[in-house]
């Protein structure tokens, strides 16, 4: 994983904000699908106010990516705005987990 450059961040308008439960669940589901999951189990405790738990059979992340997992503007999928043409996944901006 690496930081996205400032110019690319501004061009992506990547100040993503998670404003409601549905958006939070959508982002977590997309992460599961991007990891290759074919089975996803989402559990909400107290209608999602206390916790949201997502379990899946996807590939997960490598241990080496753990320290940067929730850092703002970090991703393994793009390094510049031009890379967007080749993105074939739901998430790519390095924003969802830091926003959550």
Protein backbone atom coordinates (compact mmCIF):
# COMPACT_ATOMS: atom_id res chain seq x y z
CA UNK A 1 0.00 0.00 0.00
CA UNK A 2 1.06 3.56 -0.56
CA UNK A 3 -0.21 7.08 -0.11
CA UNK A 4 -2.09 8.64 -3.00
CA UNK A 5 -0.46 11.89 -4.14
CA UNK A 6 -2.06 15.18 -3.14
CA UNK A 7 -2.92 16.14 -6.72
CA UNK A 8 -4.67 12.80 -7.28
CA UNK A 9 -6.56 13.09 -3.99
CA UNK A 10 -7.92 16.49 -5.01
CA UNK A 11 -8.88 15.27 -8.49
CA UNK A 12 -10.76 12.31 -7.02
CA UNK A 13 -12.69 14.53 -4.61
CA UNK A 14 -11.91 11.78 -2.15
CA UNK A 15 -13.13 13.41 1.02
CA UNK A 16 -15.59 10.58 1.37
CA UNK A 17 -17.88 10.85 4.33
CA UNK A 18 -19.85 7.97 5.77
CA UNK A 19 -23.12 9.65 6.73
CA UNK A 20 -25.42 6.75 7.56
CA UNK A 21 -25.62 3.07 8.42
CA UNK A 22 -26.52 2.03 4.88
CA UNK A 23 -23.38 3.66 3.46
CA UNK A 24 -21.21 2.05 6.14
CA UNK A 25 -22.63 -1.41 5.40
CA UNK A 26 -22.26 -0.82 1.63
CA UNK A 27 -18.58 0.05 2.04
CA UNK A 28 -17.91 -3.02 4.18
CA UNK A 29 -19.79 -5.28 1.75
CA UNK A 30 -17.81 -3.86 -1.18
CA UNK A 31 -14.57 -4.59 0.70
CA UNK A 32 -15.68 -8.21 1.09
CA UNK A 33 -16.56 -8.52 -2.59
CA UNK A 34 -13.26 -6.91 -3.62
CA UNK A 35 -11.51 -9.56 -1.50
CA UNK A 36 -13.17 -12.27 -3.61
CA UNK A 37 -15.82 -13.29 -1.08
CA UNK A 38 -18.68 -15.46 -2.28
CA UNK A 39 -20.31 -15.64 1.16
CA UNK A 40 -20.76 -12.53 3.31
CA UNK A 41 -22.42 -12.47 6.74
CA UNK A 42 -23.35 -9.02 8.10
CA UNK A 43 -24.58 -8.71 11.67
CA UNK A 44 -25.90 -5.55 13.28
CA UNK A 45 -26.09 -5.24 17.06
CA UNK A 46 -28.73 -2.82 18.32
CA UNK A 47 -29.67 -2.01 14.70
CA UNK A 48 -26.03 -1.14 13.99
CA UNK A 49 -25.74 1.46 16.75
CA UNK A 50 -23.58 -0.74 18.95
CA UNK A 51 -21.67 -2.68 16.31
CA UNK A 52 -21.50 -3.89 12.74
CA UNK A 53 -19.77 -7.21 12.15
CA UNK A 54 -18.83 -8.52 8.73
CA UNK A 55 -17.47 -12.02 8.14
CA UNK A 56 -16.67 -13.41 4.72
CA UNK A 57 -14.71 -16.08 2.89
CA UNK A 58 -12.59 -13.57 0.96
CA UNK A 59 -8.81 -13.45 0.76
CA UNK A 60 -8.38 -10.68 3.31
CA UNK A 61 -5.37 -8.40 3.46
CA UNK A 62 -1.72 -9.22 3.73
CA UNK A 63 -0.13 -8.79 7.13
CA UNK A 64 2.25 -6.21 5.68
CA UNK A 65 -0.72 -3.95 4.77
CA UNK A 66 -2.16 -3.95 8.31
CA UNK A 67 -0.27 -0.84 9.55
CA UNK A 68 -1.67 1.30 6.72
CA UNK A 69 -5.14 -0.23 6.50
CA UNK A 70 -7.09 2.72 7.90
CA UNK A 71 -4.83 5.58 6.89
CA UNK A 72 -6.50 8.34 4.93
CA UNK A 73 -5.66 8.47 1.20
CA UNK A 74 -3.76 5.15 1.16
CA UNK A 75 -4.55 2.38 -1.31
CA UNK A 76 -2.90 -0.44 -3.20
CA UNK A 77 -5.05 0.03 -6.30
CA UNK A 78 -4.03 3.38 -7.76
CA UNK A 79 -1.06 5.72 -7.65
CA UNK A 80 -2.37 8.45 -9.96
CA UNK A 81 -5.60 9.74 -11.49
CA UNK A 82 -4.75 8.00 -14.78
CA UNK A 83 -4.88 4.61 -13.01
CA UNK A 84 -8.67 4.92 -12.69
CA UNK A 85 -9.08 3.57 -16.23
CA UNK A 86 -7.80 0.18 -15.08
CA UNK A 87 -9.69 -0.15 -11.80
CA UNK A 88 -11.96 -3.19 -11.79
CA UNK A 89 -13.04 -3.16 -8.14
CA UNK A 90 -15.64 -1.38 -6.03
CA UNK A 91 -13.25 0.41 -3.70
CA UNK A 92 -10.04 2.12 -4.69
CA UNK A 93 -9.67 5.54 -3.09
CA UNK A 94 -8.28 4.49 0.25
CA UNK A 95 -11.03 6.34 2.07
CA UNK A 96 -13.71 3.95 3.31
CA UNK A 97 -12.02 2.42 6.34
CA UNK A 98 -10.53 5.70 7.53
CA UNK A 99 -13.96 7.31 7.19
CA UNK A 100 -15.61 4.54 9.17
